[in-house]
C-alpha cells in the first residue's frame, strides 16, 4: 500500500522533532541549493555528504525557516532520496 504524501506541516514537524546530541536542528538539503535556503541566516553549520548538505542551526525559528524554504524550492532531501543514495554507495563499494 503506497504511503500518502506528507503535508508541509508534517514534514516541518518531523524535521524539528529532535535535535542532534550537540543541540542543533538538522535539515537535509540538496547540495546545489543550500546557499538559497541559508541566505540571511546566522549561526548555520553546513556539512557536505556527497550531493547532500546537512544544514544545522540551533534556533528553532531559523530551522523552521530553512526547512520551509527548502520544501518550497524542492530542495529538501527526503528520506527516500537519502536511502536511495545510501544504497547506491553500498553498491559502489561492493
N, C-alpha and C. Protein backbone atom coordinates (compact mmCIF):
# COMPACT_ATOMS: atom_id res chain seq x y z
N UNK A 1 0.84 -1.18 0.00
CA UNK A 1 0.00 0.00 0.00
C UNK A 1 0.88 1.24 0.00
N UNK A 2 0.73 2.11 -0.98
CA UNK A 2 1.58 3.31 -1.04
C UNK A 2 1.25 4.29 0.09
N UNK A 3 2.30 4.94 0.56
CA UNK A 3 2.11 5.94 1.61
C UNK A 3 1.54 7.20 1.02
N UNK A 4 0.71 7.88 1.81
CA UNK A 4 0.17 9.15 1.32
C UNK A 4 1.24 10.22 1.50
N UNK A 5 1.27 11.19 0.60
CA UNK A 5 2.26 12.27 0.72
C UNK A 5 2.05 13.06 2.01
N UNK A 6 3.15 13.48 2.59
CA UNK A 6 3.07 14.26 3.82
C UNK A 6 2.86 15.73 3.48
N UNK A 7 2.13 16.42 4.35
CA UNK A 7 1.91 17.84 4.16
C UNK A 7 3.17 18.60 4.60
N UNK A 8 3.25 19.85 4.24
CA UNK A 8 4.38 20.69 4.64
C UNK A 8 4.48 20.74 6.16
N UNK A 9 3.34 20.87 6.82
CA UNK A 9 3.34 20.95 8.28
C UNK A 9 3.90 19.66 8.90
N UNK A 10 3.53 18.50 8.34
CA UNK A 10 4.03 17.23 8.86
C UNK A 10 5.54 17.12 8.65
N UNK A 11 6.01 17.52 7.48
CA UNK A 11 7.45 17.46 7.21
C UNK A 11 8.22 18.35 8.16
N UNK A 12 7.76 19.57 8.35
CA UNK A 12 8.45 20.51 9.24
C UNK A 12 8.43 19.96 10.67
N UNK A 13 7.28 19.45 11.10
CA UNK A 13 7.16 18.91 12.46
C UNK A 13 8.14 17.75 12.67
N UNK A 14 8.26 16.86 11.68
CA UNK A 14 9.20 15.74 11.78
C UNK A 14 10.65 16.20 11.84
N UNK A 15 10.98 17.17 10.98
CA UNK A 15 12.36 17.67 10.95
C UNK A 15 12.77 18.32 12.26
N UNK A 16 11.83 19.01 12.91
CA UNK A 16 12.16 19.76 14.11
C UNK A 16 11.80 19.01 15.39
N UNK A 17 11.43 17.74 15.26
CA UNK A 17 11.02 16.96 16.43
C UNK A 17 12.20 16.69 17.37
N UNK A 18 13.39 16.55 16.81
CA UNK A 18 14.55 16.22 17.64
C UNK A 18 15.75 17.07 17.23
N UNK A 19 16.65 17.21 18.18
CA UNK A 19 17.94 17.86 17.91
C UNK A 19 19.02 16.79 17.93
N UNK A 20 20.16 17.14 17.33
CA UNK A 20 21.29 16.19 17.41
C UNK A 20 21.92 16.31 18.80
N UNK A 21 22.86 15.46 19.16
CA UNK A 21 23.45 15.49 20.51
C UNK A 21 24.13 16.82 20.87
N UNK A 22 24.47 17.63 19.87
CA UNK A 22 25.11 18.91 20.14
C UNK A 22 24.12 20.07 20.22
N UNK A 23 22.83 19.76 20.14
CA UNK A 23 21.81 20.78 20.30
C UNK A 23 21.39 21.48 19.01
N UNK A 24 21.74 20.93 17.85
CA UNK A 24 21.38 21.53 16.57
C UNK A 24 20.18 20.84 15.95
N UNK A 25 19.34 21.62 15.30
CA UNK A 25 18.33 21.05 14.42
C UNK A 25 19.05 20.76 13.10
N UNK A 26 18.76 19.62 12.48
CA UNK A 26 19.45 19.20 11.27
C UNK A 26 18.44 19.06 10.14
N UNK A 27 18.69 19.79 9.05
CA UNK A 27 17.82 19.76 7.88
C UNK A 27 18.64 19.28 6.68
N UNK A 28 18.27 18.13 6.10
CA UNK A 28 18.99 17.64 4.92
C UNK A 28 18.52 18.38 3.66
N UNK A 29 19.46 18.96 2.95
CA UNK A 29 19.15 19.77 1.77
C UNK A 29 20.03 19.31 0.62
N UNK A 30 19.49 19.40 -0.60
CA UNK A 30 20.30 19.09 -1.78
C UNK A 30 21.43 20.12 -1.87
N UNK A 31 22.63 19.64 -2.12
CA UNK A 31 23.83 20.49 -2.08
C UNK A 31 23.76 21.66 -3.05
N UNK A 32 23.21 21.43 -4.23
CA UNK A 32 23.21 22.50 -5.23
C UNK A 32 22.34 23.70 -4.86
N UNK A 33 21.47 23.56 -3.86
CA UNK A 33 20.62 24.68 -3.49
C UNK A 33 20.78 25.15 -2.06
N UNK A 34 21.84 24.68 -1.40
CA UNK A 34 22.00 25.00 0.01
C UNK A 34 22.15 26.50 0.25
N UNK A 35 22.85 27.21 -0.62
CA UNK A 35 23.04 28.65 -0.43
C UNK A 35 21.73 29.42 -0.52
N UNK A 36 20.79 28.92 -1.32
CA UNK A 36 19.50 29.58 -1.44
C UNK A 36 18.69 29.51 -0.14
N UNK A 37 18.79 28.39 0.57
CA UNK A 37 17.96 28.24 1.77
C UNK A 37 18.61 28.80 3.03
N UNK A 38 19.93 29.02 3.04
CA UNK A 38 20.56 29.55 4.25
C UNK A 38 20.87 31.04 4.15
N UNK A 39 20.55 31.64 3.03
CA UNK A 39 20.84 33.07 2.84
C UNK A 39 20.16 33.90 3.93
N UNK A 40 20.94 34.71 4.61
CA UNK A 40 20.42 35.60 5.63
C UNK A 40 20.26 34.97 7.01
N UNK A 41 20.68 33.73 7.17
CA UNK A 41 20.56 33.05 8.46
C UNK A 41 21.94 32.99 9.10
N UNK A 42 22.03 33.42 10.35
CA UNK A 42 23.31 33.39 11.06
C UNK A 42 23.41 32.15 11.93
N UNK A 43 24.63 31.73 12.20
CA UNK A 43 24.87 30.60 13.07
C UNK A 43 24.61 29.25 12.42
N UNK A 44 24.72 29.20 11.10
CA UNK A 44 24.45 27.96 10.37
C UNK A 44 25.75 27.18 10.18
N UNK A 45 25.68 25.87 10.41
CA UNK A 45 26.79 24.97 10.14
C UNK A 45 26.33 24.05 9.01
N UNK A 46 27.15 23.94 7.96
CA UNK A 46 26.81 23.08 6.82
C UNK A 46 27.85 21.99 6.69
N UNK A 47 27.37 20.76 6.66
CA UNK A 47 28.26 19.60 6.48
C UNK A 47 27.86 18.92 5.18
N UNK A 48 28.82 18.81 4.25
CA UNK A 48 28.54 18.20 2.95
C UNK A 48 28.79 16.70 3.01
N UNK A 49 27.81 15.94 2.47
CA UNK A 49 27.92 14.49 2.38
C UNK A 49 27.47 14.10 0.98
N UNK A 50 28.43 13.85 0.11
CA UNK A 50 28.09 13.54 -1.28
C UNK A 50 27.41 14.73 -1.93
N UNK A 51 26.22 14.51 -2.50
CA UNK A 51 25.50 15.63 -3.09
C UNK A 51 24.39 16.14 -2.18
N UNK A 52 24.53 15.85 -0.87
CA UNK A 52 23.62 16.36 0.14
C UNK A 52 24.37 17.27 1.09
N UNK A 53 23.64 18.17 1.71
CA UNK A 53 24.21 19.02 2.74
C UNK A 53 23.34 18.91 3.98
N UNK A 54 23.95 18.74 5.12
CA UNK A 54 23.23 18.77 6.38
C UNK A 54 23.36 20.19 6.92
N UNK A 55 22.26 20.89 6.96
CA UNK A 55 22.24 22.26 7.45
C UNK A 55 21.85 22.19 8.93
N UNK A 56 22.72 22.70 9.79
CA UNK A 56 22.50 22.63 11.22
C UNK A 56 22.42 24.02 11.82
N UNK A 57 21.43 24.21 12.67
CA UNK A 57 21.22 25.50 13.31
C UNK A 57 20.60 25.26 14.68
N UNK A 58 20.93 26.10 15.63
CA UNK A 58 20.40 25.92 17.00
C UNK A 58 19.02 26.54 17.19
N UNK A 59 18.71 27.59 16.47
CA UNK A 59 17.45 28.29 16.63
C UNK A 59 16.31 27.54 15.96
N UNK A 60 15.26 27.25 16.72
CA UNK A 60 14.09 26.55 16.15
C UNK A 60 13.43 27.41 15.08
N UNK A 61 13.33 28.69 15.32
CA UNK A 61 12.71 29.59 14.35
C UNK A 61 13.47 29.58 13.03
N UNK A 62 14.79 29.66 13.10
CA UNK A 62 15.60 29.64 11.88
C UNK A 62 15.54 28.27 11.21
N UNK A 63 15.51 27.20 12.01
CA UNK A 63 15.41 25.86 11.44
C UNK A 63 14.10 25.71 10.68
N UNK A 64 13.02 26.22 11.24
CA UNK A 64 11.73 26.15 10.55
C UNK A 64 11.76 26.97 9.26
N UNK A 65 12.38 28.14 9.32
CA UNK A 65 12.51 28.98 8.12
C UNK A 65 13.30 28.28 7.02
N UNK A 66 14.41 27.63 7.39
CA UNK A 66 15.23 26.90 6.42
C UNK A 66 14.44 25.72 5.85
N UNK A 67 13.77 24.97 6.72
CA UNK A 67 13.00 23.80 6.27
C UNK A 67 11.90 24.22 5.29
N UNK A 68 11.17 25.27 5.61
CA UNK A 68 10.09 25.72 4.73
C UNK A 68 10.64 26.22 3.39
N UNK A 69 11.78 26.91 3.43
CA UNK A 69 12.40 27.38 2.18
C UNK A 69 12.84 26.19 1.33
N UNK A 70 13.43 25.19 1.96
CA UNK A 70 13.88 24.01 1.23
C UNK A 70 12.70 23.26 0.62
N UNK A 71 11.61 23.15 1.37
CA UNK A 71 10.43 22.45 0.85
C UNK A 71 9.83 23.22 -0.31
N UNK A 72 9.69 24.53 -0.16
CA UNK A 72 9.05 25.33 -1.21
C UNK A 72 9.87 25.36 -2.50
N UNK A 73 11.19 25.24 -2.38
CA UNK A 73 12.05 25.26 -3.57
C UNK A 73 12.38 23.86 -4.07
N UNK A 74 11.83 22.85 -3.43
CA UNK A 74 12.08 21.48 -3.84
C UNK A 74 13.49 21.01 -3.55
N UNK A 75 14.11 21.56 -2.51
CA UNK A 75 15.50 21.25 -2.19
C UNK A 75 15.67 20.37 -0.95
N UNK A 76 14.57 20.03 -0.30
CA UNK A 76 14.65 19.17 0.87
C UNK A 76 15.00 17.76 0.42
N UNK A 77 16.01 17.18 1.03
CA UNK A 77 16.41 15.79 0.72
C UNK A 77 15.54 14.88 1.58
N UNK A 78 14.56 14.27 0.94
CA UNK A 78 13.62 13.42 1.66
C UNK A 78 14.24 12.08 2.00
N UNK A 79 13.64 11.38 2.96
CA UNK A 79 14.18 10.09 3.43
C UNK A 79 14.39 9.12 2.30
N UNK A 80 13.42 9.04 1.38
CA UNK A 80 13.53 8.08 0.29
C UNK A 80 14.78 8.37 -0.55
N UNK A 81 15.06 9.64 -0.80
CA UNK A 81 16.23 10.01 -1.59
C UNK A 81 17.51 9.67 -0.85
N UNK A 82 17.54 9.89 0.46
CA UNK A 82 18.72 9.59 1.26
C UNK A 82 18.95 8.09 1.26
N UNK A 83 17.88 7.29 1.43
CA UNK A 83 18.01 5.84 1.43
C UNK A 83 18.52 5.35 0.08
N UNK A 84 18.02 5.94 -1.02
CA UNK A 84 18.47 5.54 -2.35
C UNK A 84 19.96 5.84 -2.52
N UNK A 85 20.41 7.00 -2.03
CA UNK A 85 21.83 7.35 -2.15
C UNK A 85 22.69 6.40 -1.34
N UNK A 86 22.25 6.05 -0.13
CA UNK A 86 23.00 5.11 0.70
C UNK A 86 23.11 3.76 0.01
N UNK A 87 22.02 3.30 -0.62
CA UNK A 87 22.05 2.04 -1.34
C UNK A 87 23.03 2.11 -2.51
N UNK A 88 23.06 3.24 -3.19
CA UNK A 88 23.99 3.43 -4.30
C UNK A 88 25.43 3.38 -3.85
N UNK A 89 25.72 3.97 -2.68
CA UNK A 89 27.08 3.95 -2.15
C UNK A 89 27.48 2.52 -1.76
N UNK A 90 26.54 1.77 -1.19
CA UNK A 90 26.84 0.38 -0.81
C UNK A 90 27.14 -0.46 -2.05
N UNK A 91 26.39 -0.23 -3.14
CA UNK A 91 26.61 -0.99 -4.36
C UNK A 91 27.97 -0.64 -4.99
N UNK A 92 28.38 0.63 -4.89
CA UNK A 92 29.66 1.03 -5.44
C UNK A 92 30.81 0.38 -4.68
N UNK A 93 30.65 0.24 -3.35
CA UNK A 93 31.68 -0.35 -2.53
C UNK A 93 31.84 -1.85 -2.80
N UNK A 94 30.74 -2.50 -3.16
CA UNK A 94 30.75 -3.96 -3.37
C UNK A 94 31.46 -4.37 -4.65
